[in-house]
PDB file of N, CA and C in Angstrom:
ATOM      1  N   MET A   1     236.202 122.578 216.092  1.00  0.00           N
ATOM      2  CA  MET A   1     235.757 121.231 215.792  1.00  0.00           C
ATOM      3  C   MET A   1     235.990 121.053 214.292  1.00  0.00           C
ATOM      4  N   ILE A   2     236.506 119.906 213.882  1.00  0.00           N
ATOM      5  CA  ILE A   2     236.875 119.556 212.516  1.00  0.00           C
ATOM      6  C   ILE A   2     235.952 118.442 212.077  1.00  0.00           C
ATOM      7  N   TYR A   3     235.273 118.669 210.940  1.00  0.00           N
ATOM      8  CA  TYR A   3     234.475 117.648 210.320  1.00  0.00           C
ATOM      9  C   TYR A   3     235.440 116.845 209.396  1.00  0.00           C
ATOM     10  N   LEU A   4     235.681 115.592 209.757  1.00  0.00           N
ATOM     11  CA  LEU A   4     236.639 114.775 209.072  1.00  0.00           C
ATOM     12  C   LEU A   4     236.031 114.052 207.879  1.00  0.00           C
ATOM     13  N   ASP A   5     236.486 114.382 206.716  1.00  0.00           N
ATOM     14  CA  ASP A   5     236.060 113.700 205.495  1.00  0.00           C
ATOM     15  C   ASP A   5     236.831 112.406 205.262  1.00  0.00           C
ATOM     16  N   THR A   6     236.254 111.485 204.576  1.00  0.00           N
ATOM     17  CA  THR A   6     236.868 110.173 204.337  1.00  0.00           C
ATOM     18  C   THR A   6     238.163 110.301 203.611  1.00  0.00           C
ATOM     19  N   SER A   7     238.330 111.281 202.773  1.00  0.00           N
ATOM     20  CA  SER A   7     239.586 111.400 201.994  1.00  0.00           C
ATOM     21  C   SER A   7     240.773 111.675 202.975  1.00  0.00           C
ATOM     22  N   VAL A   8     240.570 112.373 204.049  1.00  0.00           N
ATOM     23  CA  VAL A   8     241.593 112.689 204.994  1.00  0.00           C
ATOM     24  C   VAL A   8     241.846 111.486 205.846  1.00  0.00           C
ATOM     25  N   ALA A   9     240.809 110.821 206.245  1.00  0.00           N
ATOM     26  CA  ALA A   9     241.024 109.605 207.066  1.00  0.00           C
ATOM     27  C   ALA A   9     241.823 108.533 206.316  1.00  0.00           C
ATOM     28  N   LEU A  10     241.511 108.348 205.065  1.00  0.00           N
ATOM     29  CA  LEU A  10     242.175 107.371 204.265  1.00  0.00           C
ATOM     30  C   LEU A  10     243.629 107.850 203.956  1.00  0.00           C
ATOM     31  N   ALA A  11     243.861 109.112 203.748  1.00  0.00           N
ATOM     32  CA  ALA A  11     245.198 109.603 203.454  1.00  0.00           C
ATOM     33  C   ALA A  11     246.055 109.312 204.739  1.00  0.00           C
ATOM     34  N   HIS A  12     245.516 109.481 205.893  1.00  0.00           N
ATOM     35  CA  HIS A  12     246.257 109.186 207.148  1.00  0.00           C
ATOM     36  C   HIS A  12     246.490 107.767 207.259  1.00  0.00           C
ATOM     37  N   LEU A  13     245.572 106.897 207.009  1.00  0.00           N
ATOM     38  CA  LEU A  13     245.663 105.458 207.159  1.00  0.00           C
ATOM     39  C   LEU A  13     246.549 104.784 206.124  1.00  0.00           C
ATOM     40  N   LEU A  14     246.530 105.322 204.911  1.00  0.00           N
ATOM     41  CA  LEU A  14     247.215 104.643 203.812  1.00  0.00           C
ATOM     42  C   LEU A  14     248.480 105.298 203.413  1.00  0.00           C
ATOM     43  N   ALA A  15     248.805 106.475 204.089  1.00  0.00           N
ATOM     44  CA  ALA A  15     250.030 107.183 203.822  1.00  0.00           C
ATOM     45  C   ALA A  15     250.320 107.360 202.340  1.00  0.00           C
ATOM     46  N   GLY A  16     249.452 108.026 201.620  1.00  0.00           N
ATOM     47  CA  GLY A  16     249.592 108.287 200.215  1.00  0.00           C
ATOM     48  C   GLY A  16     250.442 109.525 199.947  1.00  0.00           C
ATOM     49  N   ASP A  17     250.171 110.156 198.818  1.00  0.00           N
ATOM     50  CA  ASP A  17     250.940 111.393 198.523  1.00  0.00           C
ATOM     51  C   ASP A  17     250.635 112.555 199.486  1.00  0.00           C
ATOM     52  N   ARG A  18     249.388 112.543 199.989  1.00  0.00           N
ATOM     53  CA  ARG A  18     248.984 113.597 200.925  1.00  0.00           C
ATOM     54  C   ARG A  18     248.926 113.013 202.303  1.00  0.00           C
ATOM     55  N   TYR A  19     249.247 113.799 203.298  1.00  0.00           N
ATOM     56  CA  TYR A  19     249.178 113.259 204.636  1.00  0.00           C
ATOM     57  C   TYR A  19     248.774 114.426 205.527  1.00  0.00           C
ATOM     58  N   PRO A  20     247.686 114.301 206.321  1.00  0.00           N
ATOM     59  CA  PRO A  20     247.189 115.366 207.121  1.00  0.00           C
ATOM     60  C   PRO A  20     248.237 115.824 208.174  1.00  0.00           C
ATOM     61  N   PRO A  21     248.332 117.057 208.524  1.00  0.00           N
ATOM     62  CA  PRO A  21     249.283 117.545 209.484  1.00  0.00           C
ATOM     63  C   PRO A  21     248.998 117.060 210.847  1.00  0.00           C
ATOM     64  N   PRO A  22     250.044 116.909 211.699  1.00  0.00           N
ATOM     65  CA  PRO A  22     249.777 116.406 213.085  1.00  0.00           C
ATOM     66  C   PRO A  22     248.823 117.332 213.871  1.00  0.00           C
ATOM     67  N   SER A  23     248.770 118.585 213.534  1.00  0.00           N
ATOM     68  CA  SER A  23     247.847 119.518 214.267  1.00  0.00           C
ATOM     69  C   SER A  23     246.416 119.142 214.136  1.00  0.00           C
ATOM     70  N   LEU A  24     246.025 118.413 213.031  1.00  0.00           N
ATOM     71  CA  LEU A  24     244.683 118.001 212.875  1.00  0.00           C
ATOM     72  C   LEU A  24     244.212 117.064 213.995  1.00  0.00           C
ATOM     73  N   TRP A  25     245.137 116.239 214.456  1.00  0.00           N
ATOM     74  CA  TRP A  25     244.736 115.235 215.408  1.00  0.00           C
ATOM     75  C   TRP A  25     244.633 115.847 216.830  1.00  0.00           C
ATOM     76  N   ALA A  26     245.033 117.028 217.018  1.00  0.00           N
ATOM     77  CA  ALA A  26     244.905 117.707 218.289  1.00  0.00           C
ATOM     78  C   ALA A  26     243.458 118.344 218.399  1.00  0.00           C
ATOM     79  N   GLU A  27     242.719 118.400 217.303  1.00  0.00           N
ATOM     80  CA  GLU A  27     241.433 119.021 217.270  1.00  0.00           C
ATOM     81  C   GLU A  27     240.336 117.980 217.686  1.00  0.00           C
ATOM     82  N   THR A  28     239.181 118.545 218.027  1.00  0.00           N
ATOM     83  CA  THR A  28     238.035 117.665 218.209  1.00  0.00           C
ATOM     84  C   THR A  28     237.499 117.308 216.844  1.00  0.00           C
ATOM     85  N   LEU A  29     237.353 115.945 216.611  1.00  0.00           N
ATOM     86  CA  LEU A  29     236.950 115.486 215.314  1.00  0.00           C
ATOM     87  C   LEU A  29     235.511 114.907 215.369  1.00  0.00           C
ATOM     88  N   VAL A  30     234.798 115.243 214.270  1.00  0.00           N
ATOM     89  CA  VAL A  30     233.428 114.747 214.195  1.00  0.00           C
ATOM     90  C   VAL A  30     233.213 114.410 212.706  1.00  0.00           C
ATOM     91  N   SER A  31     232.308 113.451 212.517  1.00  0.00           N
ATOM     92  CA  SER A  31     231.954 113.064 211.073  1.00  0.00           C
ATOM     93  C   SER A  31     230.623 112.327 211.100  1.00  0.00           C
ATOM     94  N   SER A  32     230.061 112.139 209.970  1.00  0.00           N
ATOM     95  CA  SER A  32     228.922 111.263 209.772  1.00  0.00           C
ATOM     96  C   SER A  32     229.322 109.913 210.045  1.00  0.00           C
ATOM     97  N   ARG A  33     228.391 109.060 210.557  1.00  0.00           N
ATOM     98  CA  ARG A  33     228.612 107.610 210.732  1.00  0.00           C
ATOM     99  C   ARG A  33     229.043 107.045 209.415  1.00  0.00           C
ATOM    100  N   LEU A  34     228.702 107.649 208.302  1.00  0.00           N
ATOM    101  CA  LEU A  34     229.115 107.202 206.983  1.00  0.00           C
ATOM    102  C   LEU A  34     230.607 106.997 206.885  1.00  0.00           C
ATOM    103  N   LEU A  35     231.371 107.826 207.567  1.00  0.00           N
ATOM    104  CA  LEU A  35     232.847 107.709 207.535  1.00  0.00           C
ATOM    105  C   LEU A  35     233.322 106.339 207.896  1.00  0.00           C
ATOM    106  N   GLU A  36     232.728 105.778 208.954  1.00  0.00           N
ATOM    107  CA  GLU A  36     233.122 104.451 209.423  1.00  0.00           C
ATOM    108  C   GLU A  36     232.965 103.385 208.348  1.00  0.00           C
ATOM    109  N   TYR A  37     231.854 103.450 207.602  1.00  0.00           N
ATOM    110  CA  TYR A  37     231.606 102.452 206.543  1.00  0.00           C
ATOM    111  C   TYR A  37     232.473 102.708 205.327  1.00  0.00           C
ATOM    112  N   GLU A  38     232.680 103.929 204.981  1.00  0.00           N
ATOM    113  CA  GLU A  38     233.531 104.251 203.891  1.00  0.00           C
ATOM    114  C   GLU A  38     234.968 103.788 204.109  1.00  0.00           C
ATOM    115  N   VAL A  39     235.485 104.053 205.272  1.00  0.00           N
ATOM    116  CA  VAL A  39     236.860 103.624 205.577  1.00  0.00           C
ATOM    117  C   VAL A  39     236.985 102.129 205.573  1.00  0.00           C
ATOM    118  N   TRP A  40     236.120 101.435 206.299  1.00  0.00           N
ATOM    119  CA  TRP A  40     236.239  99.986 206.303  1.00  0.00           C
ATOM    120  C   TRP A  40     236.037  99.374 204.925  1.00  0.00           C
ATOM    121  N   THR A  41     235.159  99.931 204.105  1.00  0.00           N
ATOM    122  CA  THR A  41     234.978  99.408 202.775  1.00  0.00           C
ATOM    123  C   THR A  41     236.310  99.480 201.914  1.00  0.00           C
ATOM    124  N   ARG A  42     236.965 100.647 202.038  1.00  0.00           N
ATOM    125  CA  ARG A  42     238.231 100.825 201.349  1.00  0.00           C
ATOM    126  C   ARG A  42     239.308  99.914 201.858  1.00  0.00           C
ATOM    127  N   ILE A  43     239.388  99.755 203.186  1.00  0.00           N
ATOM    128  CA  ILE A  43     240.370  98.872 203.779  1.00  0.00           C
ATOM    129  C   ILE A  43     240.134  97.373 203.374  1.00  0.00           C
ATOM    130  N   HIS A  44     238.948  96.973 203.412  1.00  0.00           N
ATOM    131  CA  HIS A  44     238.616  95.571 203.019  1.00  0.00           C
ATOM    132  C   HIS A  44     238.875  95.383 201.543  1.00  0.00           C
ATOM    133  N   ALA A  45     238.521  96.415 200.667  1.00  0.00           N
ATOM    134  CA  ALA A  45     238.728  96.304 199.318  1.00  0.00           C
ATOM    135  C   ALA A  45     240.245  96.096 198.879  1.00  0.00           C
ATOM    136  N   ARG A  46     241.106  96.684 199.742  1.00  0.00           N
ATOM    137  CA  ARG A  46     242.513  96.547 199.541  1.00  0.00           C
ATOM    138  C   ARG A  46     243.085  95.387 200.374  1.00  0.00           C
ATOM    139  N   ARG A  47     242.252  94.667 201.024  1.00  0.00           N
ATOM    140  CA  ARG A  47     242.742  93.495 201.801  1.00  0.00           C
ATOM    141  C   ARG A  47     243.763  93.862 202.878  1.00  0.00           C
ATOM    142  N   LEU A  48     243.427  94.971 203.556  1.00  0.00           N
ATOM    143  CA  LEU A  48     244.375  95.502 204.590  1.00  0.00           C
ATOM    144  C   LEU A  48     243.886  95.430 206.020  1.00  0.00           C
ATOM    145  N   ALA A  49     242.789  94.703 206.220  1.00  0.00           N
ATOM    146  CA  ALA A  49     242.236  94.640 207.593  1.00  0.00           C
ATOM    147  C   ALA A  49     243.169  94.112 208.643  1.00  0.00           C
ATOM    148  N   LYS A  50     243.971  93.114 208.232  1.00  0.00           N
ATOM    149  CA  LYS A  50     244.913  92.529 209.207  1.00  0.00           C
ATOM    150  C   LYS A  50     246.038  93.503 209.541  1.00  0.00           C
ATOM    151  N   THR A  51     246.548  94.207 208.559  1.00  0.00           N
ATOM    152  CA  THR A  51     247.669  95.096 208.795  1.00  0.00           C
ATOM    153  C   THR A  51     247.238  96.514 209.290  1.00  0.00           C
ATOM    154  N   HIS A  52     246.025  96.877 208.899  1.00  0.00           N
ATOM    155  CA  HIS A  52     245.586  98.261 209.230  1.00  0.00           C
ATOM    156  C   HIS A  52     244.408  98.355 210.216  1.00  0.00           C
ATOM    157  N   GLY A  53     243.932  97.223 210.615  1.00  0.00           N
ATOM    158  CA  GLY A  53     242.697  97.149 211.448  1.00  0.00           C
ATOM    159  C   GLY A  53     242.871  97.910 212.710  1.00  0.00           C
ATOM    160  N   GLU A  54     243.949  97.754 213.424  1.00  0.00           N
ATOM    161  CA  GLU A  54     244.191  98.491 214.708  1.00  0.00           C
ATOM    162  C   GLU A  54     244.215 100.036 214.468  1.00  0.00           C
ATOM    163  N   ALA A  55     244.863 100.425 213.421  1.00  0.00           N
ATOM    164  CA  ALA A  55     244.926 101.850 213.073  1.00  0.00           C
ATOM    165  C   ALA A  55     243.583 102.401 212.734  1.00  0.00           C
ATOM    166  N   VAL A  56     242.796 101.597 212.036  1.00  0.00           N
ATOM    167  CA  VAL A  56     241.440 102.027 211.677  1.00  0.00           C
ATOM    168  C   VAL A  56     240.638 102.227 212.909  1.00  0.00           C
ATOM    169  N   ARG A  57     240.686 101.255 213.836  1.00  0.00           N
ATOM    170  CA  ARG A  57     239.875 101.302 215.039  1.00  0.00           C
ATOM    171  C   ARG A  57     240.345 102.479 215.953  1.00  0.00           C
ATOM    172  N   ALA A  58     241.670 102.718 216.004  1.00  0.00           N
ATOM    173  CA  ALA A  58     242.163 103.891 216.736  1.00  0.00           C
ATOM    174  C   ALA A  58     241.672 105.212 216.164  1.00  0.00           C
ATOM    175  N   LEU A  59     241.760 105.339 214.864  1.00  0.00           N
ATOM    176  CA  LEU A  59     241.266 106.573 214.245  1.00  0.00           C
ATOM    177  C   LEU A  59     239.808 106.822 214.471  1.00  0.00           C
ATOM    178  N   LEU A  60     239.010 105.754 214.231  1.00  0.00           N
ATOM    179  CA  LEU A  60     237.539 105.871 214.320  1.00  0.00           C
ATOM    180  C   LEU A  60     237.120 106.094 215.791  1.00  0.00           C
ATOM    181  N   GLY A  61     237.945 105.578 216.752  1.00  0.00           N
ATOM    182  CA  GLY A  61     237.733 105.816 218.130  1.00  0.00           C
ATOM    183  C   GLY A  61     237.897 107.240 218.592  1.00  0.00           C
ATOM    184  N   ARG A  62     238.568 108.075 217.839  1.00  0.00           N
ATOM    185  CA  ARG A  62     238.744 109.460 218.154  1.00  0.00           C
ATOM    186  C   ARG A  62     237.716 110.397 217.577  1.00  0.00           C
ATOM    187  N   VAL A  63     236.789 109.823 216.744  1.00  0.00           N
ATOM    188  CA  VAL A  63     235.829 110.659 216.051  1.00  0.00           C
ATOM    189  C   VAL A  63     234.458 110.548 216.695  1.00  0.00           C
ATOM    190  N   ALA A  64     233.867 111.628 216.956  1.00  0.00           N
ATOM    191  CA  ALA A  64     232.418 111.672 217.442  1.00  0.00           C
ATOM    192  C   ALA A  64     231.586 111.573 216.162  1.00  0.00           C
ATOM    193  N   PHE A  65     230.623 110.651 216.204  1.00  0.00           N
ATOM    194  CA  PHE A  65     229.816 110.386 214.999  1.00  0.00           C
ATOM    195  C   PHE A  65     228.413 110.959 215.115  1.00  0.00           C
ATOM    196  N   LEU A  66     228.000 111.579 214.001  1.00  0.00           N
ATOM    197  CA  LEU A  66     226.658 112.034 213.862  1.00  0.00           C
ATOM    198  C   LEU A  66     225.924 110.962 213.072  1.00  0.00           C
ATOM    199  N   GLU A  67     224.799 110.548 213.610  1.00  0.00           N
ATOM    200  CA  GLU A  67     223.994 109.523 212.930  1.00  0.00           C
ATOM    201  C   GLU A  67     223.210 110.139 211.785  1.00  0.00           C
ATOM    202  N   MET A  68     222.715 109.270 210.924  1.00  0.00           N
ATOM    203  CA  MET A  68     221.966 109.720 209.808  1.00  0.00           C
ATOM    204  C   MET A  68     220.479 110.005 210.253  1.00  0.00           C
ATOM    205  N   ILE A  69     220.352 111.209 210.849  1.00  0.00           N
ATOM    206  CA  ILE A  69     219.054 111.613 211.345  1.00  0.00           C
ATOM    207  C   ILE A  69     218.220 112.182 210.228  1.00  0.00           C
ATOM    208  N   PRO A  70     216.904 112.226 210.425  1.00  0.00           N
ATOM    209  CA  PRO A  70     215.998 112.734 209.342  1.00  0.00           C
ATOM    210  C   PRO A  70     216.400 114.144 208.837  1.00  0.00           C
ATOM    211  N   GLU A  71     216.776 115.012 209.653  1.00  0.00           N
ATOM    212  CA  GLU A  71     217.128 116.411 209.216  1.00  0.00           C
ATOM    213  C   GLU A  71     218.292 116.386 208.238  1.00  0.00           C
ATOM    214  N   VAL A  72     219.294 115.558 208.473  1.00  0.00           N
ATOM    215  CA  VAL A  72     220.433 115.413 207.596  1.00  0.00           C
ATOM    216  C   VAL A  72     220.031 114.828 206.291  1.00  0.00           C
ATOM    217  N   LEU A  73     219.243 113.741 206.328  1.00  0.00           N
ATOM    218  CA  LEU A  73     218.830 113.057 205.138  1.00  0.00           C
ATOM    219  C   LEU A  73     217.970 113.972 204.337  1.00  0.00           C
ATOM    220  N   ALA A  74     217.132 114.751 204.944  1.00  0.00           N
ATOM    221  CA  ALA A  74     216.229 115.673 204.200  1.00  0.00           C
ATOM    222  C   ALA A  74     217.090 116.748 203.480  1.00  0.00           C
ATOM    223  N   ARG A  75     218.098 117.248 204.125  1.00  0.00           N
ATOM    224  CA  ARG A  75     218.987 118.270 203.482  1.00  0.00           C
ATOM    225  C   ARG A  75     219.704 117.629 202.315  1.00  0.00           C
ATOM    226  N   ALA A  76     220.166 116.428 202.499  1.00  0.00           N
ATOM    227  CA  ALA A  76     220.932 115.744 201.434  1.00  0.00           C
ATOM    228  C   ALA A  76     220.163 115.530 200.134  1.00  0.00           C
ATOM    229  N   ARG A  77     218.810 115.485 200.363  1.00  0.00           N
ATOM    230  CA  ARG A  77     217.933 115.291 199.150  1.00  0.00           C
ATOM    231  C   ARG A  77     217.715 116.575 198.408  1.00  0.00           C
ATOM    232  N   GLU A  78     218.009 117.715 199.020  1.00  0.00           N
ATOM    233  CA  GLU A  78     217.771 119.022 198.411  1.00  0.00           C
ATOM    234  C   GLU A  78     218.944 119.342 197.382  1.00  0.00           C
ATOM    235  N   PRO A  79     218.690 120.264 196.491  1.00  0.00           N
ATOM    236  CA  PRO A  79     219.782 120.675 195.540  1.00  0.00           C
ATOM    237  C   PRO A  79     220.992 121.332 196.225  1.00  0.00           C
ATOM    238  N   PHE A  80     222.104 121.169 195.680  1.00  0.00           N
ATOM    239  CA  PHE A  80     223.313 121.796 196.106  1.00  0.00           C
ATOM    240  C   PHE A  80     223.728 122.857 194.996  1.00  0.00           C
ATOM    241  N   PRO A  81     224.532 123.806 195.408  1.00  0.00           N
ATOM    242  CA  PRO A  81     224.910 124.885 194.490  1.00  0.00           C
ATOM    243  C   PRO A  81     225.760 124.423 193.337  1.00  0.00           C
ATOM    244  N   ILE A  82     226.436 123.304 193.506  1.00  0.00           N
ATOM    245  CA  ILE A  82     227.200 122.655 192.419  1.00  0.00           C
ATOM    246  C   ILE A  82     226.934 121.206 192.489  1.00  0.00           C
ATOM    247  N   GLU A  83     227.282 120.491 191.494  1.00  0.00           N
ATOM    248  CA  GLU A  83     226.998 119.020 191.432  1.00  0.00           C
ATOM    249  C   GLU A  83     227.908 118.328 192.506  1.00  0.00           C
ATOM    250  N   VAL A  84     227.263 117.494 193.346  1.00  0.00           N
ATOM    251  CA  VAL A  84     228.014 116.707 194.331  1.00  0.00           C
ATOM    252  C   VAL A  84     227.650 115.216 194.189  1.00  0.00           C
ATOM    253  N   ARG A  85     228.486 114.401 194.620  1.00  0.00           N
ATOM    254  CA  ARG A  85     228.211 112.951 194.624  1.00  0.00           C
ATOM    255  C   ARG A  85     227.357 112.648 195.815  1.00  0.00           C
ATOM    256  N   THR A  86     226.665 111.537 195.808  1.00  0.00           N
ATOM    257  CA  THR A  86     225.684 111.148 196.783  1.00  0.00           C
ATOM    258  C   THR A  86     226.290 111.138 198.219  1.00  0.00           C
ATOM    259  N   LEU A  87     227.416 110.514 198.404  1.00  0.00           N
ATOM    260  CA  LEU A  87     228.021 110.439 199.751  1.00  0.00           C
ATOM    261  C   LEU A  87     228.525 111.845 200.240  1.00  0.00           C
ATOM    262  N   ASP A  88     229.008 112.609 199.282  1.00  0.00           N
ATOM    263  CA  ASP A  88     229.431 113.941 199.588  1.00  0.00           C
ATOM    264  C   ASP A  88     228.242 114.791 200.044  1.00  0.00           C
ATOM    265  N   ALA A  89     227.104 114.603 199.416  1.00  0.00           N
ATOM    266  CA  ALA A  89     225.876 115.352 199.821  1.00  0.00           C
ATOM    267  C   ALA A  89     225.525 114.988 201.309  1.00  0.00           C
ATOM    268  N   LEU A  90     225.669 113.695 201.653  1.00  0.00           N
ATOM    269  CA  LEU A  90     225.380 113.366 203.048  1.00  0.00           C
ATOM    270  C   LEU A  90     226.410 113.953 204.018  1.00  0.00           C
ATOM    271  N   HIS A  91     227.689 113.998 203.657  1.00  0.00           N
ATOM    272  CA  HIS A  91     228.667 114.641 204.484  1.00  0.00           C
ATOM    273  C   HIS A  91     228.440 116.138 204.648  1.00  0.00           C
ATOM    274  N   LEU A  92     228.134 116.815 203.500  1.00  0.00           N
ATOM    275  CA  LEU A  92     227.854 118.215 203.556  1.00  0.00           C
ATOM    276  C   LEU A  92     226.623 118.547 204.422  1.00  0.00           C
ATOM    277  N   ALA A  93     225.589 117.742 204.208  1.00  0.00           N
ATOM    278  CA  ALA A  93     224.383 117.874 205.022  1.00  0.00           C
ATOM    279  C   ALA A  93     224.681 117.687 206.499  1.00  0.00           C
ATOM    280  N   SER A  94     225.487 116.797 206.790  1.00  0.00           N
ATOM    281  CA  SER A  94     225.876 116.536 208.206  1.00  0.00           C
ATOM    282  C   SER A  94     226.626 117.715 208.803  1.00  0.00           C
ATOM    283  N   LEU A  95     227.603 118.194 208.034  1.00  0.00           N
ATOM    284  CA  LEU A  95     228.310 119.420 208.491  1.00  0.00           C
ATOM    285  C   LEU A  95     227.384 120.646 208.666  1.00  0.00           C
ATOM    286  N   GLY A  96     226.535 120.841 207.677  1.00  0.00           N
ATOM    287  CA  GLY A  96     225.532 121.898 207.743  1.00  0.00           C
ATOM    288  C   GLY A  96     224.687 121.793 208.943  1.00  0.00           C
ATOM    289  N   PHE A  97     224.222 120.587 209.299  1.00  0.00           N
ATOM    290  CA  PHE A  97     223.414 120.350 210.446  1.00  0.00           C
ATOM    291  C   PHE A  97     224.154 120.772 211.711  1.00  0.00           C
ATOM    292  N   LEU A  98     225.408 120.346 211.866  1.00  0.00           N
ATOM    293  CA  LEU A  98     226.218 120.699 213.002  1.00  0.00           C
ATOM    294  C   LEU A  98     226.290 122.205 213.200  1.00  0.00           C
ATOM    295  N   ILE A  99     226.590 122.904 212.110  1.00  0.00           N
ATOM    296  CA  ILE A  99     226.686 124.353 212.160  1.00  0.00           C
ATOM    297  C   ILE A  99     225.366 125.031 212.499  1.00  0.00           C
ATOM    298  N   ALA A 100     224.274 124.456 211.983  1.00  0.00           N
ATOM    299  CA  ALA A 100     222.952 125.037 212.291  1.00  0.00           C
ATOM    300  C   ALA A 100     222.578 124.821 213.762  1.00  0.00           C
ATOM    301  N   GLN A 101     223.227 123.801 214.348  1.00  0.00           N
ATOM    302  CA  GLN A 101     223.009 123.564 215.826  1.00  0.00           C
ATOM    303  C   GLN A 101     223.932 124.404 216.698  1.00  0.00           C
ATOM    304  N   GLY A 102     224.671 125.326 216.065  1.00  0.00           N
ATOM    305  CA  GLY A 102     225.532 126.247 216.866  1.00  0.00           C
ATOM    306  C   GLY A 102     226.976 125.741 217.045  1.00  0.00           C
ATOM    307  N   GLN A 103     227.349 124.670 216.355  1.00  0.00           N
ATOM    308  CA  GLN A 103     228.735 124.131 216.483  1.00  0.00           C
ATOM    309  C   GLN A 103     229.632 124.828 215.524  1.00  0.00           C
ATOM    310  N   ALA A 104     230.748 125.234 215.983  1.00  0.00           N
ATOM    311  CA  ALA A 104     231.786 125.849 215.036  1.00  0.00           C
ATOM    312  C   ALA A 104     232.591 124.725 214.486  1.00  0.00           C
ATOM    313  N   ALA A 105     232.246 124.312 213.262  1.00  0.00           N
ATOM    314  CA  ALA A 105     232.945 123.185 212.658  1.00  0.00           C
ATOM    315  C   ALA A 105     233.427 123.549 211.257  1.00  0.00           C
ATOM    316  N   ALA A 106     234.554 123.038 210.879  1.00  0.00           N
ATOM    317  CA  ALA A 106     235.159 123.297 209.569  1.00  0.00           C
ATOM    318  C   ALA A 106     235.455 121.935 208.873  1.00  0.00           C
ATOM    319  N   LEU A 107     235.273 121.880 207.606  1.00  0.00           N
ATOM    320  CA  LEU A 107     235.420 120.642 206.845  1.00  0.00           C
ATOM    321  C   LEU A 107     236.977 120.442 206.512  1.00  0.00           C
ATOM    322  N   ALA A 108     237.512 119.312 206.847  1.00  0.00           N
ATOM    323  CA  ALA A 108     238.866 118.862 206.404  1.00  0.00           C
ATOM    324  C   ALA A 108     238.682 117.825 205.383  1.00  0.00           C
ATOM    325  N   SER A 109     239.074 118.132 204.124  1.00  0.00           N
ATOM    326  CA  SER A 109     238.887 117.226 203.022  1.00  0.00           C
ATOM    327  C   SER A 109     239.984 117.490 201.963  1.00  0.00           C
ATOM    328  N   TYR A 110     240.336 116.445 201.288  1.00  0.00           N
ATOM    329  CA  TYR A 110     241.202 116.572 200.077  1.00  0.00           C
ATOM    330  C   TYR A 110     240.445 116.566 198.784  1.00  0.00           C
ATOM    331  N   ASP A 111     239.136 116.361 198.901  1.00  0.00           N
ATOM    332  CA  ASP A 111     238.223 116.220 197.709  1.00  0.00           C
ATOM    333  C   ASP A 111     237.877 117.691 197.242  1.00  0.00           C
ATOM    334  N   LEU A 112     238.498 118.035 196.121  1.00  0.00           N
ATOM    335  CA  LEU A 112     238.321 119.420 195.564  1.00  0.00           C
ATOM    336  C   LEU A 112     236.827 119.736 195.271  1.00  0.00           C
ATOM    337  N   ARG A 113     236.090 118.790 194.770  1.00  0.00           N
ATOM    338  CA  ARG A 113     234.694 119.103 194.472  1.00  0.00           C
ATOM    339  C   ARG A 113     233.924 119.317 195.777  1.00  0.00           C
ATOM    340  N   MET A 114     234.173 118.489 196.807  1.00  0.00           N
ATOM    341  CA  MET A 114     233.456 118.627 198.038  1.00  0.00           C
ATOM    342  C   MET A 114     233.894 120.000 198.694  1.00  0.00           C
ATOM    343  N   LEU A 115     235.115 120.356 198.636  1.00  0.00           N
ATOM    344  CA  LEU A 115     235.554 121.697 199.167  1.00  0.00           C
ATOM    345  C   LEU A 115     234.838 122.818 198.474  1.00  0.00           C
ATOM    346  N   ALA A 116     234.752 122.698 197.101  1.00  0.00           N
ATOM    347  CA  ALA A 116     234.093 123.766 196.345  1.00  0.00           C
ATOM    348  C   ALA A 116     232.634 123.871 196.790  1.00  0.00           C
ATOM    349  N   ALA A 117     231.986 122.770 196.990  1.00  0.00           N
ATOM    350  CA  ALA A 117     230.560 122.803 197.352  1.00  0.00           C
ATOM    351  C   ALA A 117     230.436 123.406 198.762  1.00  0.00           C
ATOM    352  N   ALA A 118     231.344 122.998 199.644  1.00  0.00           N
ATOM    353  CA  ALA A 118     231.320 123.631 200.985  1.00  0.00           C
ATOM    354  C   ALA A 118     231.468 125.126 200.933  1.00  0.00           C
ATOM    355  N   ARG A 119     232.392 125.573 200.127  1.00  0.00           N
ATOM    356  CA  ARG A 119     232.572 126.992 200.002  1.00  0.00           C
ATOM    357  C   ARG A 119     231.338 127.767 199.414  1.00  0.00           C
ATOM    358  N   LYS A 120     230.769 127.114 198.415  1.00  0.00           N
ATOM    359  CA  LYS A 120     229.484 127.686 197.847  1.00  0.00           C
ATOM    360  C   LYS A 120     228.354 127.770 198.909  1.00  0.00           C
ATOM    361  N   LEU A 121     228.409 126.811 199.849  1.00  0.00           N
ATOM    362  CA  LEU A 121     227.391 126.765 200.882  1.00  0.00           C
ATOM    363  C   LEU A 121     227.808 127.685 202.064  1.00  0.00           C
ATOM    364  N   LYS A 122     228.917 128.265 201.961  1.00  0.00           N
ATOM    365  CA  LYS A 122     229.485 129.170 203.023  1.00  0.00           C
ATOM    366  C   LYS A 122     229.775 128.398 204.282  1.00  0.00           C
ATOM    367  N   LEU A 123     230.221 127.135 204.084  1.00  0.00           N
ATOM    368  CA  LEU A 123     230.699 126.324 205.196  1.00  0.00           C
ATOM    369  C   LEU A 123     232.170 126.458 205.331  1.00  0.00           C
ATOM    370  N   ALA A 124     232.669 126.541 206.529  1.00  0.00           N
ATOM    371  CA  ALA A 124     234.124 126.717 206.748  1.00  0.00           C
ATOM    372  C   ALA A 124     234.854 125.504 206.362  1.00  0.00           C
ATOM    373  N   THR A 125     236.097 125.731 205.891  1.00  0.00           N
ATOM    374  CA  THR A 125     236.956 124.610 205.511  1.00  0.00           C
ATOM    375  C   THR A 125     238.248 124.759 206.395  1.00  0.00           C
ATOM    376  N   TRP A 126     238.881 123.669 206.608  1.00  0.00           N
ATOM    377  CA  TRP A 126     240.081 123.673 207.432  1.00  0.00           C
ATOM    378  C   TRP A 126     241.321 123.426 206.512  1.00  0.00           C
ATOM    379  N   PRO A 127     242.295 124.323 206.575  1.00  0.00           N
ATOM    380  CA  PRO A 127     243.435 124.179 205.676  1.00  0.00           C
ATOM    381  C   PRO A 127     244.329 122.952 205.984  1.00  0.00           C
ATOM    382  N   LEU A 128     244.523 122.141 205.022  1.00  0.00           N
ATOM    383  CA  LEU A 128     245.357 120.905 205.260  1.00  0.00           C
ATOM    384  C   LEU A 128     246.786 121.088 204.823  1.00  0.00           C
ATOM    385  N   ASP A 129     247.129 122.203 204.171  1.00  0.00           N
ATOM    386  CA  ASP A 129     248.531 122.375 203.677  1.00  0.00           C
ATOM    387  C   ASP A 129     249.268 123.226 204.672  1.00  0.00           C
TER     388      ASP A 129
END
């Protein structure tokens, strides 16, 4: 199971310098419901809803979403081994919750700070290169 970070979803949708490998899409994808809002916010900010809306809906339709449950929010309020941004804390707490529930999940992210925090927390990461 792959925990999909927003950086990877946006790289796929916007075809930037980095592009996730096709093998990623063969995996079971999961993320926080936060992903949906982050992606749409970036798409709307770039005024791409008309041209990219179908692709966004298709991508989000492939992801199983974890809601912002109290256990995840409680973990996100706790300290992290390195400084993380607010939304990254929520994503890392979501991934940690899945793993604590017995799910074998690995983080797919292009965000170096988030990857470093995941490694410090001993959370698995998925190689994108």
